[in-house]
Protein backbone atom coordinates (compact mmCIF):
# COMPACT_ATOMS: atom_id res chain seq x y z
CA MET A 1 -19.03 8.89 7.96
CA LEU A 2 -18.98 10.16 4.38
CA ILE A 3 -19.27 13.79 5.54
CA PHE A 4 -16.49 13.24 8.08
CA LEU A 5 -14.11 11.80 5.46
CA GLU A 6 -14.87 14.53 2.95
CA GLY A 7 -14.25 17.08 5.69
CA LEU A 8 -10.94 15.40 6.47
CA ALA A 9 -9.99 15.51 2.79
CA PHE A 10 -10.95 19.19 2.65
CA PHE A 11 -8.72 19.85 5.67
CA GLY A 12 -5.89 18.16 3.80
CA TYR A 13 -6.45 20.31 0.72
CA VAL A 14 -6.45 23.49 2.79
CA SER A 15 -3.21 22.37 4.49
CA ILE A 16 -1.56 21.75 1.12
CA VAL A 17 -2.53 25.20 -0.15
CA TRP A 18 -1.37 26.81 3.09
CA ASN A 19 2.02 25.06 3.10
CA ASP A 20 2.78 25.39 -0.61
CA PHE A 21 0.80 28.31 -1.97
CA ASN A 22 3.39 29.21 -4.61
CA ASN A 23 3.12 25.83 -6.35
CA PHE A 24 -0.61 25.47 -5.83
CA GLY A 25 -1.40 26.07 -9.49
CA SER A 26 0.61 23.03 -10.57
CA PHE A 27 -1.53 20.53 -8.67
CA ILE A 28 -4.92 22.25 -8.27
CA PRO A 29 -6.43 20.17 -11.14
CA ILE A 30 -5.45 16.98 -9.30
CA LEU A 31 -7.00 18.26 -6.07
CA PHE A 32 -10.20 19.15 -7.89
CA ILE A 33 -10.44 15.85 -9.75
CA SER A 34 -9.61 13.63 -6.77
CA SER A 35 -12.09 15.36 -4.47
CA VAL A 36 -15.01 16.77 -6.44
CA ILE A 37 -15.57 14.06 -9.05
CA PRO A 38 -15.75 11.11 -6.57
CA PHE A 39 -18.01 13.18 -4.30
CA ILE A 40 -20.36 13.92 -7.23
CA LEU A 41 -20.40 10.24 -8.19
CA ILE A 42 -21.25 9.25 -4.62
CA ILE A 43 -24.09 11.79 -4.49
CA TRP A 44 -25.45 10.53 -7.83
CA GLY A 45 -25.23 6.96 -6.60
CA LEU A 46 -27.20 7.80 -3.46
CA LEU A 47 -29.81 9.93 -5.25
CA PHE A 48 -30.46 7.52 -8.12
CA ASN A 49 -29.86 4.37 -6.04
CA ASN A 50 -27.19 3.31 -8.53
CA GLU A 51 -24.38 1.32 -6.95
CA THR A 52 -22.25 1.48 -10.10
CA PHE A 53 -21.57 5.17 -9.47
CA LEU A 54 -20.59 4.33 -5.90
CA VAL A 55 -18.16 1.63 -7.01
CA ILE A 56 -16.51 3.94 -9.56
CA ALA A 57 -16.22 6.65 -6.90
CA PHE A 58 -14.62 4.22 -4.43
CA PHE A 59 -12.05 3.05 -6.99
CA PHE A 60 -11.35 6.71 -7.76
CA LYS A 61 -10.86 7.56 -4.08
CA ILE A 62 -8.36 4.76 -3.48
CA SER A 63 -6.49 5.56 -6.72
CA PHE A 64 -7.09 2.21 -8.39
CA PHE A 65 -7.23 1.28 -12.06
CA PRO A 66 -8.14 3.14 -14.22
CA PHE A 67 -7.74 6.15 -11.85
CA LEU A 68 -4.25 5.11 -10.85
CA TRP A 69 -2.01 8.11 -11.27
CA TRP A 70 -3.49 10.98 -9.27
CA PHE A 71 -2.23 9.99 -5.80
CA PRO A 72 1.43 9.25 -6.76
CA TYR A 73 1.54 12.59 -8.58
CA LEU A 74 -0.04 14.43 -5.65
CA SER A 75 2.21 12.71 -3.09
CA SER A 76 5.29 14.64 -4.22
CA PHE A 77 3.63 17.86 -2.95
CA LEU A 78 2.65 16.45 0.45
CA ASN A 79 4.47 16.40 3.75
CA TYR A 80 4.51 13.06 5.56
CA PHE A 81 1.55 13.87 7.80
CA LEU A 82 -0.65 14.73 4.81
CA PHE A 83 0.74 11.70 3.01
CA PHE A 84 -0.59 9.59 5.87
CA VAL A 85 -3.97 11.37 5.73
CA PHE A 86 -4.43 10.92 1.97
CA GLY A 87 -2.66 7.58 1.67
CA VAL A 88 -4.16 5.78 4.68
CA VAL A 89 -6.98 7.56 6.52
CA ASN A 90 -8.79 8.84 3.44
CA LYS A 91 -8.84 5.35 1.87
CA VAL A 92 -10.22 3.34 4.79
CA PHE A 93 -13.90 4.01 4.12
CA PRO A 94 -13.80 3.42 0.32
CA ILE A 95 -11.88 0.14 0.74
CA PHE A 96 -14.30 -1.38 3.23
CA MET A 97 -17.37 -0.09 1.39
CA LEU A 98 -16.03 -1.57 -1.83
CA VAL A 99 -15.73 -5.00 -0.24
CA ILE A 100 -19.06 -4.79 1.61
CA ASN A 101 -20.89 -3.73 -1.56
CA GLN A 102 -22.30 -6.95 -2.99
CA VAL A 103 -22.97 -5.52 -6.46
CA VAL A 104 -19.31 -6.02 -7.38
CA SER A 105 -18.42 -9.62 -8.12
CA PHE A 106 -15.14 -11.16 -7.04
CA ASN A 107 -14.03 -11.45 -10.69
CA VAL A 108 -14.35 -7.70 -11.24
CA ILE A 109 -12.54 -6.85 -8.00
CA PHE A 110 -9.85 -9.43 -8.73
CA PHE A 111 -8.97 -8.19 -12.21
CA ILE A 112 -9.09 -4.51 -11.22
CA CYS A 113 -6.80 -5.23 -8.26
CA ILE A 114 -4.46 -7.30 -10.44
CA PHE A 115 -4.21 -4.53 -13.05
CA SER A 116 -3.63 -1.97 -10.30
CA ILE A 117 -0.94 -4.10 -8.64
CA PHE A 118 0.80 -4.84 -11.94
CA LEU A 119 0.89 -1.20 -13.09
CA SER A 120 1.87 0.01 -9.61
CA LEU A 121 4.73 -2.48 -9.47
CA PHE A 122 5.96 -1.30 -12.86
CA PHE A 123 6.03 2.35 -11.81
CA LEU A 124 7.39 1.32 -8.42
CA SER A 125 10.39 -0.28 -10.12
CA ILE A 126 11.25 2.95 -11.96
CA SER A 127 10.66 5.24 -8.95
CA GLN A 128 13.09 3.76 -6.45
CA ASN A 129 14.76 6.99 -5.38
CA ASP A 130 11.91 9.40 -4.58
CA LEU A 131 10.58 8.40 -1.16
CA LYS A 132 7.05 9.78 -1.43
CA ILE A 133 6.36 8.58 -4.96
CA PHE A 134 7.86 5.18 -4.13
CA PHE A 135 5.60 4.68 -1.11
CA ALA A 136 2.59 6.03 -2.99
CA TRP A 137 2.95 3.27 -5.58
CA SER A 138 3.81 0.82 -2.80
CA SER A 139 0.58 1.71 -0.99
CA ASN A 140 -1.39 0.94 -4.16
CA VAL A 141 0.26 -2.48 -4.31
CA ASN A 142 -0.46 -3.27 -0.67
CA TYR A 143 -4.04 -2.02 -0.86
CA GLY A 144 -4.55 -4.32 -3.81
CA TRP A 145 -3.44 -7.30 -1.70
CA ILE A 146 -5.57 -6.06 1.22
CA ILE A 147 -8.74 -5.87 -0.88
CA LEU A 148 -8.13 -9.35 -2.30
CA VAL A 149 -7.66 -10.76 1.20
CA LEU A 150 -10.79 -8.93 2.43
CA THR A 151 -12.87 -10.57 -0.31
CA GLN A 152 -11.80 -14.00 0.96
CA SER A 153 -11.59 -13.50 4.72
CA TRP A 154 -12.94 -10.41 6.45
CA LEU A 155 -11.06 -11.02 9.71
CA ASN A 156 -7.72 -11.72 8.03
CA GLY A 157 -8.11 -8.65 5.83
CA VAL A 158 -8.87 -6.37 8.78
CA VAL A 159 -5.91 -7.72 10.76
CA PHE A 160 -3.58 -7.28 7.80
CA PHE A 161 -4.87 -3.75 7.18
CA LEU A 162 -4.33 -2.74 10.82
CA LEU A 163 -0.81 -4.20 10.87
CA TYR A 164 0.00 -2.41 7.62
CA ILE A 165 -1.16 0.92 9.07
CA ILE A 166 0.85 0.42 12.27
CA ILE A 167 4.11 -0.49 10.54
CA PHE A 168 3.74 2.15 7.85
CA SER A 169 2.98 4.77 10.53
CA PHE A 170 6.18 3.86 12.38
CA PHE A 171 8.15 4.34 9.19
CA LEU A 172 6.60 7.75 8.45
CA PHE A 173 7.30 8.74 12.05
CA ILE A 174 11.08 8.39 11.62
CA LEU A 175 11.08 10.50 8.46
CA THR A 176 11.16 14.29 8.29
CA ASP A 177 10.19 16.59 5.45
CA SER A 178 13.86 17.10 4.59
CA TYR A 179 14.01 13.46 3.43
CA THR A 180 12.81 13.44 -0.16
CA PHE A 181 15.08 10.80 -1.69
CA PHE A 182 16.44 7.51 -0.41
CA ASP A 183 20.05 8.63 -0.79
CA GLN A 184 19.32 11.59 1.53
CA LEU A 185 18.49 9.31 4.43
CA ASN A 186 20.89 9.76 7.30
CA ILE A 187 19.71 7.24 9.85
CA THR A 188 22.09 7.32 12.80
CA THR A 189 20.29 5.23 15.41
CA SER A 190 19.96 1.46 15.28
CA ILE A 191 16.26 1.63 16.17
CA ASP A 192 15.38 3.83 13.18
CA LEU A 193 17.45 1.63 10.90
CA PHE A 194 15.77 -1.49 12.29
CA ILE A 195 12.30 0.02 11.68
CA MET A 196 13.21 0.86 8.09
CA ILE A 197 14.58 -2.63 7.43
CA LEU A 198 11.49 -4.16 9.07
CA VAL A 199 9.15 -2.12 6.85
CA LEU A 200 10.94 -3.03 3.63
CA ILE A 201 11.24 -6.73 4.53
CA THR A 202 7.57 -6.76 5.51
CA PHE A 203 6.58 -5.31 2.14
CA LEU A 204 8.96 -7.81 0.56
CA GLY A 205 6.85 -10.63 1.99
CA LEU A 206 9.46 -12.88 3.57
CA PRO A 207 8.30 -15.40 6.18
CA PRO A 208 7.48 -15.14 9.05
CA PHE A 209 6.61 -11.45 8.65
CA PHE A 210 2.97 -10.61 8.04
CA GLY A 211 3.72 -9.56 4.45
CA PHE A 212 4.15 -13.27 3.72
CA ILE A 213 1.04 -14.24 5.69
CA TYR A 214 -1.40 -12.30 3.52
CA LYS A 215 0.09 -13.81 0.36
CA TYR A 216 -0.24 -17.26 1.89
CA LEU A 217 -3.87 -16.60 2.86
CA LEU A 218 -4.67 -15.24 -0.59
CA ILE A 219 -3.17 -18.18 -2.48
CA ASN A 220 -4.65 -20.69 -0.05
CA SER A 221 -8.14 -19.26 -0.63
CA ILE A 222 -7.94 -20.07 -4.35
CA VAL A 223 -8.21 -23.78 -3.53
CA GLY A 224 -11.97 -23.34 -3.27
CA PHE A 225 -12.33 -22.39 -6.93
CA ASP A 226 -14.33 -24.86 -9.02
CA TYR A 227 -12.48 -24.62 -12.30
CA LEU A 228 -8.92 -25.91 -12.53
CA ASN A 229 -8.00 -23.70 -15.48
CA VAL A 230 -9.12 -20.55 -13.69
CA SER A 231 -7.24 -21.56 -10.55
CA PHE A 232 -4.06 -22.22 -12.54
CA PHE A 233 -4.37 -18.86 -14.30
CA ILE A 234 -4.79 -17.02 -11.01
CA TYR A 235 -1.88 -18.93 -9.44
CA PHE A 236 0.29 -17.97 -12.40
CA ILE A 237 -0.60 -14.28 -12.17
CA LEU A 238 -0.09 -14.13 -8.40
CA ALA A 239 3.26 -15.93 -8.65
CA ILE A 240 4.53 -13.40 -11.20
CA LEU A 241 3.33 -10.40 -9.21
CA ILE A 242 4.68 -11.69 -5.88
CA THR A 243 8.07 -12.49 -7.44
CA TYR A 244 8.28 -9.07 -9.09
CA ASN A 245 7.24 -7.38 -5.84
CA SER A 246 9.97 -9.23 -3.93
CA PHE A 247 12.61 -8.38 -6.53
CA ILE A 248 11.87 -4.65 -6.24
CA TYR A 249 12.40 -4.55 -2.47
CA ILE A 250 15.45 -6.82 -2.60
CA ASN A 251 16.99 -4.49 -5.17
CA LEU A 252 16.19 -1.53 -2.93
CA LEU A 253 17.85 -3.12 0.10
CA PHE A 254 21.08 -3.77 -1.81
CA LYS A 255 20.98 -0.55 -3.82
CA PHE A 256 21.34 1.63 -0.73
CA ASN A 257 23.40 -0.88 1.30
CA LEU A 258 20.76 -0.93 4.04
CA LEU A 259 21.52 -4.51 5.04
CA SER A 260 25.25 -3.81 5.28
CA VAL A 261 24.70 -0.75 7.46
CA PHE A 262 22.24 -2.68 9.62
CA PHE A 263 24.64 -5.53 10.36
CA LEU A 264 27.58 -3.17 10.90
CA ASN A 265 25.62 -1.18 13.49
CA MET A 266 24.54 -4.28 15.40
CA GLN A 267 26.65 -6.35 17.76
CA ASN A 268 27.83 -9.71 16.45
CA LEU A 269 26.00 -11.62 19.18
CA PHE A 270 22.74 -9.81 18.42
CA VAL A 271 23.11 -10.52 14.70
CA GLY A 272 23.67 -14.22 15.40
CA VAL A 273 20.67 -14.47 17.71
CA PHE A 274 18.51 -12.56 15.22
CA ALA A 275 19.55 -14.86 12.35
CA VAL A 276 18.92 -18.06 14.36
CA LEU A 277 15.50 -16.85 15.56
CA TYR A 278 14.53 -15.84 12.04
CA ILE A 279 15.48 -19.26 10.63
CA LEU A 280 13.61 -21.10 13.40
CA MET A 281 10.51 -18.94 12.99
CA THR A 282 10.57 -19.42 9.23
CA ILE A 283 10.90 -23.21 9.50
CA GLY A 284 8.13 -23.33 12.10
CA PHE A 285 5.80 -21.18 10.04
CA VAL A 286 6.37 -23.09 6.81
CA SER A 287 5.89 -26.42 8.58
CA ILE A 288 2.43 -25.27 9.72
């Protein structure tokens, strides 16, 4: 599996060089660091039977704190297919191995994920025009939530991860390489617009979309903590991060008038049915 993923990463590097040879010198250090150093750490961990090296390598591969900045920087040089390879496929193995590895306690994973989510949200809020950089930081945020859910419930984490990949893949499918900034988007069909709205609302975390479900599962799992002060502290941190995350996507929806365009393109009857169904589903989900 490790050899397969490293081979996939190498294929991605070759594709980047082939597609953008003139600018290769500007991001070759990032390619070297993000590929060679984690691979060396993994080899050391296997040779010396030291799981600490493996954990550091896995955090490096998924671009988590303190190795947070290499993937957002690299994403601006990628097309959307390579963005999917580096941002989704190349991170599957490190994420699951990080959770399976019992040497890392929940406290360590929690605080690293929280720092990664907080810093990613900050840079996400100041990168709301560049599509690739925006979704690179957004992927860091969502992977942080995924890892936290995986530590509490393996099944829920896997389901959330698969749903995230499916929805994110649909969104990348409607984009072309000519779309670099949000204000360049020229979505003419209602289906493409609906997919884009669905992705952003899902990341926003509104009920009954699955973006709200993983937050509910994560907060609900904290009930099992033994110490009230620790539970209150974690609740406080999660509340701040979830609120900030929601604010960013709400601002994005209104900034580019996506909601207005969506409702103008839809028939009045369809909008009414959609609103009623959404309210009923939300009430039913919350009542559960």
